[in-house]
């Protein structure tokens, strides 16, 4: 699963969304793309910046991105099928959960 953190007011995020929609279509057998953003409830129905996404999670503030220390946007984190973190947050060095199970580290 690829968690892609975006913000509706982020110019680079807007530019990346076209490419991310293509990844979702072409790479769906390899990973699930989860778009994590902020915005209105109508955006939650899968349409962000005019592009359709299968899974969109909206944050009130930065409650999800802060758990991954993905403070800048756009950012991405790869989560392996065994729920371990498969990458550092893009562009920010090592990830606090690298090599560990996200569920165990965050929830208990």
Protein backbone atom coordinates (compact mmCIF):
# COMPACT_ATOMS: atom_id res chain seq x y z
CA UNK A 1 0.00 0.00 0.00
CA UNK A 2 1.31 3.44 -0.88
CA UNK A 3 0.12 6.25 1.36
CA UNK A 4 0.28 9.52 -0.56
CA UNK A 5 -0.07 12.62 1.60
CA UNK A 6 -1.35 15.67 -0.23
CA UNK A 7 -2.93 19.03 0.49
CA UNK A 8 -5.47 20.82 -1.71
CA UNK A 9 -3.48 24.08 -1.42
CA UNK A 10 -0.18 22.49 -2.47
CA UNK A 11 0.91 23.27 -6.04
CA UNK A 12 3.31 20.31 -6.33
CA UNK A 13 0.54 18.03 -4.99
CA UNK A 14 -1.83 19.18 -7.70
CA UNK A 15 0.81 18.49 -10.33
CA UNK A 16 1.45 15.01 -8.87
CA UNK A 17 -2.22 13.94 -8.80
CA UNK A 18 -2.36 13.24 -12.52
CA UNK A 19 0.62 10.93 -12.18
CA UNK A 20 -0.83 9.34 -9.02
CA UNK A 21 -4.10 8.58 -10.83
CA UNK A 22 -2.05 6.83 -13.52
CA UNK A 23 -0.17 4.82 -10.85
CA UNK A 24 -3.49 3.74 -9.39
CA UNK A 25 -4.67 2.51 -12.78
CA UNK A 26 -1.45 0.89 -14.00
CA UNK A 27 -0.01 -0.52 -10.77
CA UNK A 28 -3.14 -1.73 -8.96
CA UNK A 29 -1.92 -5.35 -9.04
CA UNK A 30 1.29 -4.33 -7.25
CA UNK A 31 0.03 -1.91 -4.60
CA UNK A 32 -3.03 -0.03 -3.40
CA UNK A 33 -2.80 3.75 -3.54
CA UNK A 34 -4.33 5.57 -0.58
CA UNK A 35 -4.61 9.31 -0.94
CA UNK A 36 -4.56 11.14 2.39
CA UNK A 37 -5.54 14.79 2.22
CA UNK A 38 -7.56 17.54 3.82
CA UNK A 39 -10.72 18.98 2.36
CA UNK A 40 -14.47 18.83 2.20
CA UNK A 41 -16.72 15.80 2.54
CA UNK A 42 -17.63 15.91 -1.15
CA UNK A 43 -13.96 15.28 -1.98
CA UNK A 44 -14.06 12.16 0.14
CA UNK A 45 -16.19 10.47 -2.51
CA UNK A 46 -13.06 9.80 -4.50
CA UNK A 47 -12.66 12.90 -6.63
CA UNK A 48 -9.73 15.19 -5.85
CA UNK A 49 -8.74 18.01 -8.17
CA UNK A 50 -10.94 16.46 -10.88
CA UNK A 51 -9.24 13.06 -10.68
CA UNK A 52 -10.86 9.85 -9.48
CA UNK A 53 -9.24 7.85 -6.67
CA UNK A 54 -10.45 4.58 -5.19
CA UNK A 55 -9.44 5.37 -1.62
CA UNK A 56 -9.34 8.88 -0.19
CA UNK A 57 -8.95 9.56 3.52
CA UNK A 58 -9.50 13.09 4.81
CA UNK A 59 -7.79 14.45 7.88
CA UNK A 60 -9.25 17.20 10.05
CA UNK A 61 -5.78 18.54 10.75
CA UNK A 62 -2.68 16.36 10.35
CA UNK A 63 -3.60 13.49 12.64
CA UNK A 64 -2.61 10.74 10.18
CA UNK A 65 0.37 12.45 8.58
CA UNK A 66 1.83 13.28 12.01
CA UNK A 67 1.77 9.56 12.93
CA UNK A 68 4.04 8.94 9.95
CA UNK A 69 5.95 12.20 10.44
CA UNK A 70 4.95 13.18 6.93
CA UNK A 71 4.78 16.89 7.70
CA UNK A 72 5.37 18.21 4.19
CA UNK A 73 3.34 17.56 1.08
CA UNK A 74 3.48 15.77 -1.18
CA UNK A 75 4.93 12.89 0.81
CA UNK A 76 4.62 9.13 0.48
CA UNK A 77 5.13 6.06 2.65
CA UNK A 78 5.12 2.47 1.45
CA UNK A 79 3.43 -0.06 3.78
CA UNK A 80 4.26 -3.70 3.08
CA UNK A 81 1.61 -6.47 3.03
CA UNK A 82 2.79 -7.59 6.50
CA UNK A 83 1.99 -4.06 7.83
CA UNK A 84 5.62 -3.05 8.22
CA UNK A 85 6.88 0.23 6.84
CA UNK A 86 8.68 -0.39 3.55
CA UNK A 87 10.14 3.09 3.07
CA UNK A 88 11.10 6.27 4.78
CA UNK A 89 8.88 9.27 4.32
CA UNK A 90 10.01 10.63 0.96
CA UNK A 91 12.61 13.33 1.37
CA UNK A 92 12.83 13.31 5.16
CA UNK A 93 15.37 10.64 6.07
CA UNK A 94 14.61 7.69 8.31
CA UNK A 95 11.13 6.83 9.36
CA UNK A 96 10.34 6.33 13.08
CA UNK A 97 8.50 3.07 12.37
CA UNK A 98 10.94 1.63 9.82
CA UNK A 99 11.10 -2.13 10.13
CA UNK A 100 8.39 -2.30 12.79
CA UNK A 101 4.74 -3.11 12.61
CA UNK A 102 2.74 0.09 12.30
CA UNK A 103 -0.26 -1.29 14.23
CA UNK A 104 1.91 -2.41 17.14
CA UNK A 105 3.91 0.79 17.32
CA UNK A 106 1.02 3.22 16.98
CA UNK A 107 -1.84 1.48 18.72
CA UNK A 108 -0.14 -0.43 21.44
